[in-house]
Amino acid sequence: MGSRWLDVCGPDDRPFRVANSAAGIDELLHKISEDSVVVLEATGVYYRGLAFAAAQRGISVRVVNPWQVRAFATSRLARVKTDRTDARLIRDFGERMLPDLRRWWPSPPGLDRVQLVVRLADGLLRHRVAAGNRAHAAHWTSTEVAGVARELEDVLNEERAKLMARAVELAYGDELVGEWLRRVAQLPGFGEVSGLRFLAYAGDLRRFPNARAFAAYTGLAPRVDQSGTGEGTARISRIGSRALRGVLYWVAVSATRSNSPQGAHYRRMVANGKPKKVALCALANKLARAGWAVCAGD
């Protein structure tokens, strides 16, 4: 699956390709019955067009983590990786794991608009950091080039600020997203910008049945690692959105400096001997649950 093509494999085990465009997706969906299940790998943003179009036509959609498919391929000792074999692999994975795959639903339109703008802004942030690094490297050989890189860094900062301001406007212009942002922004460590980024990467929080399920989605839930008589070392699972984990981690860092119950909880953990990073991850988990509770826990 890429920007130009969608590689597809159906029950007949004959992979084929259609254009990843409105016309190509329409052609594909005309070949799919409404009682079918479409299983897609979440590859960047390229799956979104087909996922949205299929869901709008009432076709059941499952969007799976690429790591799941990769692990499935490893379990089969796969030695060939092409677009066609990947399509067949995803089809086989979907058939085998369908009972365990949650149905995918598109985000509400207001939230979807906010998600797109926030992701654009964060893309500029990555470019701004790269420009700053290049300015630092060029300083030792050419102050002129370093100055150009710094100018680019300033421009990217300004454009990112404009995009984030626009995202805030879009959020408050939507009844649901605006209310969620007001609630999340009041939590310790969040604020308006972090709350906006939290909502953008979390998506529709109502799709999770409880706070525990959402915490597992963030990858901040502990992973059980036990074999024989050994207990192993407890670690977070890191399954889920890396960007969302990053937002929650820095929110937790901010919360540690507050006089809130969450900040006091962190300080007690550290005082009782917990390593700071372990305590931070535990606090981020707690704040993730609180974010779900104030939005979807009613």
C-alpha atoms as a PDB file:
ATOM      1  CA  MET A   1       0.000   0.000   0.000  1.00  0.00           C
ATOM      2  CA  GLY A   2       1.484   3.306  -1.055  1.00  0.00           C
ATOM      3  CA  SER A   3       0.669   6.747  -2.378  1.00  0.00           C
ATOM      4  CA  ARG A   4       0.052   5.483  -5.934  1.00  0.00           C
ATOM      5  CA  TRP A   5      -1.223   1.903  -5.628  1.00  0.00           C
ATOM      6  CA  LEU A   6      -3.282  -0.395  -3.431  1.00  0.00           C
ATOM      7  CA  ASP A   7      -2.317  -4.060  -3.565  1.00  0.00           C
ATOM      8  CA  VAL A   8      -5.306  -6.258  -2.769  1.00  0.00           C
ATOM      9  CA  CYS A   9      -5.839  -9.974  -2.189  1.00  0.00           C
ATOM     10  CA  GLY A  10      -9.314 -11.470  -1.872  1.00  0.00           C
ATOM     11  CA  PRO A  11     -10.684 -14.939  -1.084  1.00  0.00           C
ATOM     12  CA  ASP A  12      -9.699 -16.197  -4.555  1.00  0.00           C
ATOM     13  CA  ASP A  13      -6.010 -15.810  -3.556  1.00  0.00           C
ATOM     14  CA  ARG A  14      -5.225 -13.755  -6.660  1.00  0.00           C
ATOM     15  CA  PRO A  15      -3.554 -10.438  -5.736  1.00  0.00           C
ATOM     16  CA  PHE A  16      -4.297  -7.446  -7.925  1.00  0.00           C
ATOM     17  CA  ARG A  17      -3.590  -3.721  -7.933  1.00  0.00           C
ATOM     18  CA  VAL A  18      -5.765  -0.605  -8.176  1.00  0.00           C
ATOM     19  CA  ALA A  19      -4.853   3.067  -8.104  1.00  0.00           C
ATOM     20  CA  ASN A  20      -4.895   4.713  -4.669  1.00  0.00           C
ATOM     21  CA  SER A  21      -7.267   7.400  -5.918  1.00  0.00           C
ATOM     22  CA  ALA A  22     -10.980   8.127  -5.716  1.00  0.00           C
ATOM     23  CA  ALA A  23     -11.560   6.304  -9.020  1.00  0.00           C
ATOM     24  CA  GLY A  24      -9.400   3.323  -8.052  1.00  0.00           C
ATOM     25  CA  ILE A  25     -11.030   2.974  -4.623  1.00  0.00           C
ATOM     26  CA  ASP A  26     -14.498   3.213  -6.179  1.00  0.00           C
ATOM     27  CA  GLU A  27     -13.547   0.497  -8.671  1.00  0.00           C
ATOM     28  CA  LEU A  28     -12.339  -1.732  -5.828  1.00  0.00           C
ATOM     29  CA  LEU A  29     -15.400  -1.214  -3.629  1.00  0.00           C
ATOM     30  CA  HIS A  30     -17.701  -2.180  -6.497  1.00  0.00           C
ATOM     31  CA  LYS A  31     -16.024  -5.606  -6.372  1.00  0.00           C
ATOM     32  CA  ILE A  32     -16.619  -6.012  -2.626  1.00  0.00           C
ATOM     33  CA  SER A  33     -19.929  -7.117  -1.157  1.00  0.00           C
ATOM     34  CA  GLU A  34     -21.335  -5.265   1.851  1.00  0.00           C
ATOM     35  CA  ASP A  35     -20.987  -8.312   4.095  1.00  0.00           C
ATOM     36  CA  SER A  36     -17.225  -8.491   3.428  1.00  0.00           C
ATOM     37  CA  VAL A  37     -14.519  -7.408   5.854  1.00  0.00           C
ATOM     38  CA  VAL A  38     -11.707  -5.166   4.632  1.00  0.00           C
ATOM     39  CA  VAL A  39      -8.425  -5.577   6.530  1.00  0.00           C
ATOM     40  CA  LEU A  40      -5.829  -2.829   6.047  1.00  0.00           C
ATOM     41  CA  GLU A  41      -2.351  -2.256   7.393  1.00  0.00           C
ATOM     42  CA  ALA A  42      -1.905   1.194   8.958  1.00  0.00           C
ATOM     43  CA  THR A  43       0.890   2.300   6.629  1.00  0.00           C
ATOM     44  CA  GLY A  44       1.382   6.040   7.139  1.00  0.00           C
ATOM     45  CA  VAL A  45      -1.685   7.859   5.821  1.00  0.00           C
ATOM     46  CA  TYR A  46      -2.107   5.827   2.644  1.00  0.00           C
ATOM     47  CA  TYR A  47      -4.773   3.508   4.050  1.00  0.00           C
ATOM     48  CA  ARG A  48      -7.120   6.328   5.046  1.00  0.00           C
ATOM     49  CA  GLY A  49      -8.842   6.857   1.692  1.00  0.00           C
ATOM     50  CA  LEU A  50      -9.934   3.237   1.337  1.00  0.00           C
ATOM     51  CA  ALA A  51     -10.801   2.931   5.037  1.00  0.00           C
ATOM     52  CA  PHE A  52     -13.060   6.010   4.976  1.00  0.00           C
ATOM     53  CA  ALA A  53     -14.735   5.084   1.692  1.00  0.00           C
ATOM     54  CA  ALA A  54     -15.417   1.490   2.795  1.00  0.00           C
ATOM     55  CA  ALA A  55     -16.793   2.569   6.192  1.00  0.00           C
ATOM     56  CA  GLN A  56     -19.098   5.118   4.536  1.00  0.00           C
ATOM     57  CA  ARG A  57     -20.588   2.322   2.421  1.00  0.00           C
ATOM     58  CA  GLY A  58     -21.268   0.205   5.501  1.00  0.00           C
ATOM     59  CA  ILE A  59     -18.446  -2.264   4.860  1.00  0.00           C
ATOM     60  CA  SER A  60     -16.738  -3.559   8.006  1.00  0.00           C
ATOM     61  CA  VAL A  61     -13.140  -2.312   8.239  1.00  0.00           C
ATOM     62  CA  ARG A  62     -10.227  -3.486  10.377  1.00  0.00           C
ATOM     63  CA  VAL A  63      -7.024  -1.424  10.512  1.00  0.00           C
ATOM     64  CA  VAL A  64      -4.112  -3.402  11.962  1.00  0.00           C
ATOM     65  CA  ASN A  65      -0.757  -2.393  13.388  1.00  0.00           C
ATOM     66  CA  PRO A  66       2.117  -3.194  10.969  1.00  0.00           C
ATOM     67  CA  TRP A  67       3.979  -4.825  13.861  1.00  0.00           C
ATOM     68  CA  GLN A  68       1.191  -7.390  14.139  1.00  0.00           C
ATOM     69  CA  VAL A  69       1.517  -8.305  10.482  1.00  0.00           C
ATOM     70  CA  ARG A  70       5.298  -8.410  10.719  1.00  0.00           C
ATOM     71  CA  ALA A  71       5.135 -10.764  13.706  1.00  0.00           C
ATOM     72  CA  PHE A  72       2.661 -12.941  11.799  1.00  0.00           C
ATOM     73  CA  ALA A  73       5.061 -13.104   8.844  1.00  0.00           C
ATOM     74  CA  THR A  74       7.907 -14.081  11.177  1.00  0.00           C
ATOM     75  CA  SER A  75       5.798 -16.862  12.698  1.00  0.00           C
ATOM     76  CA  ARG A  76       5.384 -18.305   9.190  1.00  0.00           C
ATOM     77  CA  LEU A  77       9.124 -18.034   8.458  1.00  0.00           C
ATOM     78  CA  ALA A  78       8.332 -15.863   5.447  1.00  0.00           C
ATOM     79  CA  ARG A  79      11.355 -15.336   3.195  1.00  0.00           C
ATOM     80  CA  VAL A  80       9.793 -13.252   0.424  1.00  0.00           C
ATOM     81  CA  LYS A  81       8.500  -9.698   0.837  1.00  0.00           C
ATOM     82  CA  THR A  82       6.820  -8.007  -2.102  1.00  0.00           C
ATOM     83  CA  ASP A  83       3.663  -5.920  -2.412  1.00  0.00           C
ATOM     84  CA  ARG A  84       1.764  -8.974  -3.657  1.00  0.00           C
ATOM     85  CA  THR A  85       2.983 -11.265  -0.878  1.00  0.00           C
ATOM     86  CA  ASP A  86       2.200  -8.545   1.673  1.00  0.00           C
ATOM     87  CA  ALA A  87      -1.378  -8.314   0.377  1.00  0.00           C
ATOM     88  CA  ARG A  88      -1.801 -12.084   0.711  1.00  0.00           C
ATOM     89  CA  LEU A  89      -0.183 -12.018   4.162  1.00  0.00           C
ATOM     90  CA  ILE A  90      -2.582  -9.322   5.424  1.00  0.00           C
ATOM     91  CA  ARG A  91      -5.516 -11.316   4.019  1.00  0.00           C
ATOM     92  CA  ASP A  92      -4.344 -14.453   5.847  1.00  0.00           C
ATOM     93  CA  PHE A  93      -3.722 -12.502   9.047  1.00  0.00           C
ATOM     94  CA  GLY A  94      -7.212 -11.001   8.878  1.00  0.00           C
ATOM     95  CA  GLU A  95      -8.845 -14.400   8.402  1.00  0.00           C
ATOM     96  CA  ARG A  96      -6.924 -15.913  11.310  1.00  0.00           C
ATOM     97  CA  MET A  97      -7.284 -13.034  13.766  1.00  0.00           C
ATOM     98  CA  LEU A  98     -10.665 -11.547  12.798  1.00  0.00           C
ATOM     99  CA  PRO A  99     -12.424 -12.345  16.116  1.00  0.00           C
ATOM    100  CA  ASP A 100      -9.748 -10.351  17.972  1.00  0.00           C
ATOM    101  CA  LEU A 101      -9.690  -7.329  15.659  1.00  0.00           C
ATOM    102  CA  ARG A 102     -11.742  -4.301  16.697  1.00  0.00           C
ATOM    103  CA  ARG A 103     -13.871  -2.720  13.993  1.00  0.00           C
ATOM    104  CA  TRP A 104     -12.474   0.578  12.709  1.00  0.00           C
ATOM    105  CA  TRP A 105     -14.628   3.675  12.609  1.00  0.00           C
ATOM    106  CA  PRO A 106     -13.676   7.062  11.142  1.00  0.00           C
ATOM    107  CA  SER A 107     -13.217   9.908  13.607  1.00  0.00           C
ATOM    108  CA  PRO A 108     -15.992  12.508  13.831  1.00  0.00           C
ATOM    109  CA  PRO A 109     -15.455  15.181  11.123  1.00  0.00           C
ATOM    110  CA  GLY A 110     -14.490  17.894  13.607  1.00  0.00           C
ATOM    111  CA  LEU A 111     -11.885  15.710  15.273  1.00  0.00           C
ATOM    112  CA  ASP A 112     -10.572  14.508  11.925  1.00  0.00           C
ATOM    113  CA  ARG A 113      -9.907  18.102  10.821  1.00  0.00           C
ATOM    114  CA  VAL A 114      -8.047  18.822  14.058  1.00  0.00           C
ATOM    115  CA  GLN A 115      -5.996  15.633  13.671  1.00  0.00           C
ATOM    116  CA  LEU A 116      -4.876  16.578  10.170  1.00  0.00           C
ATOM    117  CA  VAL A 117      -3.806  20.114  11.137  1.00  0.00           C
ATOM    118  CA  VAL A 118      -1.961  18.989  14.288  1.00  0.00           C
ATOM    119  CA  ARG A 119      -0.084  16.318  12.317  1.00  0.00           C
ATOM    120  CA  LEU A 120       0.895  18.957   9.748  1.00  0.00           C
ATOM    121  CA  ALA A 121       2.170  21.198  12.553  1.00  0.00           C
ATOM    122  CA  ASP A 122       4.162  18.377  14.139  1.00  0.00           C
ATOM    123  CA  GLY A 123       5.661  17.603  10.732  1.00  0.00           C
ATOM    124  CA  LEU A 124       6.970  21.172  10.643  1.00  0.00           C
ATOM    125  CA  LEU A 125       8.357  20.684  14.155  1.00  0.00           C
ATOM    126  CA  ARG A 126      10.507  17.791  12.940  1.00  0.00           C
ATOM    127  CA  HIS A 127      11.806  19.940  10.062  1.00  0.00           C
ATOM    128  CA  ARG A 128      12.492  22.805  12.478  1.00  0.00           C
ATOM    129  CA  VAL A 129      14.591  20.549  14.706  1.00  0.00           C
ATOM    130  CA  ALA A 130      16.504  19.323  11.650  1.00  0.00           C
ATOM    131  CA  ALA A 131      17.140  22.934  10.556  1.00  0.00           C
ATOM    132  CA  GLY A 132      18.443  23.772  14.033  1.00  0.00           C
ATOM    133  CA  ASN A 133      20.808  20.797  13.943  1.00  0.00           C
ATOM    134  CA  ARG A 134      22.112  21.866  10.529  1.00  0.00           C
ATOM    135  CA  ALA A 135      22.614  25.424  11.782  1.00  0.00           C
ATOM    136  CA  HIS A 136      24.678  24.084  14.676  1.00  0.00           C
ATOM    137  CA  ALA A 137      26.783  21.884  12.367  1.00  0.00           C
ATOM    138  CA  ALA A 138      27.327  24.661   9.795  1.00  0.00           C
ATOM    139  CA  HIS A 139      28.395  27.185  12.460  1.00  0.00           C
ATOM    140  CA  TRP A 140      31.865  25.657  12.584  1.00  0.00           C
ATOM    141  CA  THR A 141      32.506  25.979   8.845  1.00  0.00           C
ATOM    142  CA  SER A 142      30.257  28.727   7.473  1.00  0.00           C
ATOM    143  CA  THR A 143      28.445  31.327   9.560  1.00  0.00           C
ATOM    144  CA  GLU A 144      26.595  32.407   6.406  1.00  0.00           C
ATOM    145  CA  VAL A 145      25.093  28.934   5.873  1.00  0.00           C
ATOM    146  CA  ALA A 146      24.346  28.688   9.579  1.00  0.00           C
ATOM    147  CA  GLY A 147      22.433  31.974   9.330  1.00  0.00           C
ATOM    148  CA  VAL A 148      20.342  30.658   6.443  1.00  0.00           C
ATOM    149  CA  ALA A 149      19.495  27.534   8.474  1.00  0.00           C
ATOM    150  CA  ARG A 150      18.500  29.689  11.458  1.00  0.00           C
ATOM    151  CA  GLU A 151      16.254  31.807   9.248  1.00  0.00           C
ATOM    152  CA  LEU A 152      14.565  28.618   8.044  1.00  0.00           C
ATOM    153  CA  GLU A 153      14.200  27.496  11.664  1.00  0.00           C
ATOM    154  CA  ASP A 154      12.449  30.779  12.519  1.00  0.00           C
ATOM    155  CA  VAL A 155      10.114  30.505   9.528  1.00  0.00           C
ATOM    156  CA  LEU A 156       9.163  26.945  10.446  1.00  0.00           C
ATOM    157  CA  ASN A 157       8.505  28.022  14.049  1.00  0.00           C
ATOM    158  CA  GLU A 158       6.192  30.778  12.848  1.00  0.00           C
ATOM    159  CA  GLU A 159       4.317  28.504  10.449  1.00  0.00           C
ATOM    160  CA  ARG A 160       3.904  25.821  13.105  1.00  0.00           C
ATOM    161  CA  ALA A 161       2.501  28.386  15.529  1.00  0.00           C
ATOM    162  CA  LYS A 162      -0.015  29.467  12.870  1.00  0.00           C
ATOM    163  CA  LEU A 163      -1.090  25.860  12.267  1.00  0.00           C
ATOM    164  CA  MET A 164      -1.518  25.164  15.981  1.00  0.00           C
ATOM    165  CA  ALA A 165      -3.562  28.350  16.372  1.00  0.00           C
ATOM    166  CA  ARG A 166      -5.746  27.212  13.486  1.00  0.00           C
ATOM    167  CA  ALA A 167      -6.137  23.785  15.099  1.00  0.00           C
ATOM    168  CA  VAL A 168      -7.306  25.443  18.328  1.00  0.00           C
ATOM    169  CA  GLU A 169      -9.879  27.453  16.349  1.00  0.00           C
ATOM    170  CA  LEU A 170     -11.132  24.299  14.640  1.00  0.00           C
ATOM    171  CA  ALA A 171     -11.341  22.476  17.965  1.00  0.00           C
ATOM    172  CA  TYR A 172     -13.415  25.144  19.687  1.00  0.00           C
ATOM    173  CA  GLY A 173     -15.536  25.513  16.570  1.00  0.00           C
ATOM    174  CA  ASP A 174     -16.737  21.936  17.022  1.00  0.00           C
ATOM    175  CA  GLU A 175     -19.085  21.200  19.930  1.00  0.00           C
ATOM    176  CA  LEU A 176     -17.672  17.757  20.818  1.00  0.00           C
ATOM    177  CA  VAL A 177     -13.971  18.468  20.314  1.00  0.00           C
ATOM    178  CA  GLY A 178     -14.219  21.872  21.978  1.00  0.00           C
ATOM    179  CA  GLU A 179     -15.774  20.350  25.101  1.00  0.00           C
ATOM    180  CA  TRP A 180     -13.167  17.572  25.200  1.00  0.00           C
ATOM    181  CA  LEU A 181     -10.348  20.101  24.874  1.00  0.00           C
ATOM    182  CA  ARG A 182     -11.748  22.251  27.681  1.00  0.00           C
ATOM    183  CA  ARG A 183     -11.897  19.209  29.961  1.00  0.00           C
ATOM    184  CA  VAL A 184      -8.478  17.787  29.083  1.00  0.00           C
ATOM    185  CA  ALA A 185      -6.746  21.177  29.315  1.00  0.00           C
ATOM    186  CA  GLN A 186      -7.754  21.387  33.001  1.00  0.00           C
ATOM    187  CA  LEU A 187      -5.903  18.193  33.903  1.00  0.00           C
ATOM    188  CA  PRO A 188      -2.487  18.546  35.588  1.00  0.00           C
ATOM    189  CA  GLY A 189       0.351  18.916  33.097  1.00  0.00           C
ATOM    190  CA  PHE A 190      -1.810  19.351  30.010  1.00  0.00           C
ATOM    191  CA  GLY A 191      -2.814  22.868  29.035  1.00  0.00           C
ATOM    192  CA  GLU A 192      -4.384  23.790  25.711  1.00  0.00           C
ATOM    193  CA  VAL A 193      -1.619  22.801  23.260  1.00  0.00           C
ATOM    194  CA  SER A 194      -0.776  19.468  24.897  1.00  0.00           C
ATOM    195  CA  GLY A 195      -4.486  18.724  25.274  1.00  0.00           C
ATOM    196  CA  LEU A 196      -4.997  19.412  21.584  1.00  0.00           C
ATOM    197  CA  ARG A 197      -2.129  17.096  20.600  1.00  0.00           C
ATOM    198  CA  PHE A 198      -3.433  14.434  22.991  1.00  0.00           C
ATOM    199  CA  LEU A 199      -6.843  14.473  21.310  1.00  0.00           C
ATOM    200  CA  ALA A 200      -5.306  14.515  17.826  1.00  0.00           C
ATOM    201  CA  TYR A 201      -3.261  11.351  18.411  1.00  0.00           C
ATOM    202  CA  ALA A 202      -5.779   9.558  20.645  1.00  0.00           C
ATOM    203  CA  GLY A 203      -8.630   9.881  18.124  1.00  0.00           C
ATOM    204  CA  ASP A 204     -12.212   9.160  19.116  1.00  0.00           C
ATOM    205  CA  LEU A 205     -11.851   8.153  22.771  1.00  0.00           C
ATOM    206  CA  ARG A 206     -15.351   6.689  22.809  1.00  0.00           C
ATOM    207  CA  ARG A 207     -14.137   3.663  20.847  1.00  0.00           C
ATOM    208  CA  PHE A 208     -12.392   2.360  23.992  1.00  0.00           C
ATOM    209  CA  PRO A 209     -14.686   0.597  26.478  1.00  0.00           C
ATOM    210  CA  ASN A 210     -12.749   1.780  29.537  1.00  0.00           C
ATOM    211  CA  ALA A 211      -9.663   3.661  30.711  1.00  0.00           C
ATOM    212  CA  ARG A 212      -7.645   0.467  30.999  1.00  0.00           C
ATOM    213  CA  ALA A 213      -8.199  -0.352  27.322  1.00  0.00           C
ATOM    214  CA  PHE A 214      -7.096   3.146  26.336  1.00  0.00           C
ATOM    215  CA  ALA A 215      -3.960   2.932  28.490  1.00  0.00           C
ATOM    216  CA  ALA A 216      -3.106  -0.349  26.760  1.00  0.00           C
ATOM    217  CA  TYR A 217      -3.548   1.375  23.383  1.00  0.00           C
ATOM    218  CA  THR A 218      -1.066   4.086  24.344  1.00  0.00           C
ATOM    219  CA  GLY A 219       1.632   1.475  25.008  1.00  0.00           C
ATOM    220  CA  LEU A 220       2.119   2.785  28.554  1.00  0.00           C
ATOM    221  CA  ALA A 221       0.596  -0.267  30.210  1.00  0.00           C
ATOM    222  CA  PRO A 222       3.134  -2.664  31.767  1.00  0.00           C
ATOM    223  CA  ARG A 223       4.088  -5.762  29.826  1.00  0.00           C
ATOM    224  CA  VAL A 224       4.073  -9.054  31.733  1.00  0.00           C
ATOM    225  CA  ASP A 225       7.390 -10.879  31.212  1.00  0.00           C
ATOM    226  CA  GLN A 226       7.628 -14.089  33.224  1.00  0.00           C
ATOM    227  CA  SER A 227       9.285 -17.408  32.474  1.00  0.00           C
ATOM    228  CA  GLY A 228       9.737 -20.331  34.832  1.00  0.00           C
ATOM    229  CA  THR A 229      10.614 -19.039  38.285  1.00  0.00           C
ATOM    230  CA  GLY A 230      12.015 -15.765  36.959  1.00  0.00           C
ATOM    231  CA  GLU A 231       9.818 -12.691  37.173  1.00  0.00           C
ATOM    232  CA  GLY A 232      11.732 -10.630  34.621  1.00  0.00           C
ATOM    233  CA  THR A 233      11.806  -6.836  34.464  1.00  0.00           C
ATOM    234  CA  ALA A 234       8.555  -4.908  34.143  1.00  0.00           C
ATOM    235  CA  ARG A 235       8.517  -2.640  31.104  1.00  0.00           C
ATOM    236  CA  ILE A 236       5.883  -0.703  29.226  1.00  0.00           C
ATOM    237  CA  SER A 237       4.610  -2.490  26.126  1.00  0.00           C
ATOM    238  CA  ARG A 238       5.290   0.371  23.646  1.00  0.00           C
ATOM    239  CA  ILE A 239       2.435  -1.009  21.516  1.00  0.00           C
ATOM    240  CA  GLY A 240       0.488   1.832  19.968  1.00  0.00           C
ATOM    241  CA  SER A 241       1.103   5.392  18.854  1.00  0.00           C
ATOM    242  CA  ARG A 242       4.624   6.596  19.571  1.00  0.00           C
ATOM    243  CA  ALA A 243       3.502  10.208  19.111  1.00  0.00           C
ATOM    244  CA  LEU A 244       0.714   9.780  21.671  1.00  0.00           C
ATOM    245  CA  ARG A 245       3.158   8.262  24.173  1.00  0.00           C
ATOM    246  CA  GLY A 246       5.462  11.213  23.603  1.00  0.00           C
ATOM    247  CA  VAL A 247       2.680  13.694  24.346  1.00  0.00           C
ATOM    248  CA  LEU A 248       1.733  11.866  27.541  1.00  0.00           C
ATOM    249  CA  TYR A 249       5.356  11.545  28.682  1.00  0.00           C
ATOM    250  CA  TRP A 250       5.966  15.304  28.467  1.00  0.00           C
ATOM    251  CA  VAL A 251       2.596  15.987  30.062  1.00  0.00           C
ATOM    252  CA  ALA A 252       3.744  13.770  32.937  1.00  0.00           C
ATOM    253  CA  VAL A 253       7.025  15.708  33.182  1.00  0.00           C
ATOM    254  CA  SER A 254       5.015  18.921  33.478  1.00  0.00           C
ATOM    255  CA  ALA A 255       2.679  17.371  36.063  1.00  0.00           C
ATOM    256  CA  THR A 256       5.609  16.418  38.317  1.00  0.00           C
ATOM    257  CA  ARG A 257       6.248  20.133  38.878  1.00  0.00           C
ATOM    258  CA  SER A 258       2.662  20.811  39.961  1.00  0.00           C
ATOM    259  CA  ASN A 259       1.050  20.689  43.405  1.00  0.00           C
ATOM    260  CA  SER A 260      -1.646  18.364  42.082  1.00  0.00           C
ATOM    261  CA  PRO A 261      -2.404  14.912  43.543  1.00  0.00           C
ATOM    262  CA  GLN A 262      -0.727  13.427  40.459  1.00  0.00           C
ATOM    263  CA  GLY A 263       2.458  15.400  41.120  1.00  0.00           C
ATOM    264  CA  ALA A 264       2.422  14.333  44.761  1.00  0.00           C
ATOM    265  CA  HIS A 265       1.918  10.702  43.659  1.00  0.00           C
ATOM    266  CA  TYR A 266       5.034  10.924  41.458  1.00  0.00           C
ATOM    267  CA  ARG A 267       7.117  12.360  44.279  1.00  0.00           C
ATOM    268  CA  ARG A 268       5.977   9.612  46.648  1.00  0.00           C
ATOM    269  CA  MET A 269       6.973   6.945  44.107  1.00  0.00           C
ATOM    270  CA  VAL A 270      10.441   8.448  43.749  1.00  0.00           C
ATOM    271  CA  ALA A 271      10.812   8.839  47.516  1.00  0.00           C
ATOM    272  CA  ASN A 272       9.899   5.155  47.911  1.00  0.00           C
ATOM    273  CA  GLY A 273      12.710   4.116  45.588  1.00  0.00           C
ATOM    274  CA  LYS A 274      11.098   4.022  42.130  1.00  0.00           C
ATOM    275  CA  PRO A 275      13.476   5.099  39.348  1.00  0.00           C
ATOM    276  CA  LYS A 276      12.401   8.464  37.944  1.00  0.00           C
ATOM    277  CA  LYS A 277      11.682   7.154  34.436  1.00  0.00           C
ATOM    278  CA  VAL A 278       9.577   4.304  35.822  1.00  0.00           C
ATOM    279  CA  ALA A 279       7.642   6.779  37.972  1.00  0.00           C
ATOM    280  CA  LEU A 280       7.186   9.088  34.963  1.00  0.00           C
ATOM    281  CA  CYS A 281       5.785   6.258  32.831  1.00  0.00           C
ATOM    282  CA  ALA A 282       3.421   5.294  35.660  1.00  0.00           C
ATOM    283  CA  LEU A 283       2.273   8.907  35.933  1.00  0.00           C
ATOM    284  CA  ALA A 284       1.821   9.145  32.142  1.00  0.00           C
ATOM    285  CA  ASN A 285      -0.347   6.002  32.322  1.00  0.00           C
ATOM    286  CA  LYS A 286      -2.403   7.594  35.088  1.00  0.00           C
ATOM    287  CA  LEU A 287      -2.867  10.799  33.076  1.00  0.00           C
ATOM    288  CA  ALA A 288      -3.865   8.825  29.978  1.00  0.00           C
ATOM    289  CA  ARG A 289      -6.629   7.195  32.010  1.00  0.00           C
ATOM    290  CA  ALA A 290      -7.677  10.572  33.362  1.00  0.00           C
ATOM    291  CA  GLY A 291      -7.844  11.941  29.793  1.00  0.00           C
ATOM    292  CA  TRP A 292     -10.128   9.110  28.750  1.00  0.00           C
ATOM    293  CA  ALA A 293     -12.275   9.520  31.884  1.00  0.00           C
ATOM    294  CA  VAL A 294     -13.029  13.226  31.419  1.00  0.00           C
ATOM    295  CA  CYS A 295     -13.922  12.779  27.735  1.00  0.00           C
ATOM    296  CA  ALA A 296     -15.500   9.355  27.359  1.00  0.00           C
ATOM    297  CA  GLY A 297     -16.142   8.259  30.908  1.00  0.00           C
ATOM    298  CA  ASP A 298     -19.505  10.008  31.308  1.00  0.00           C
END
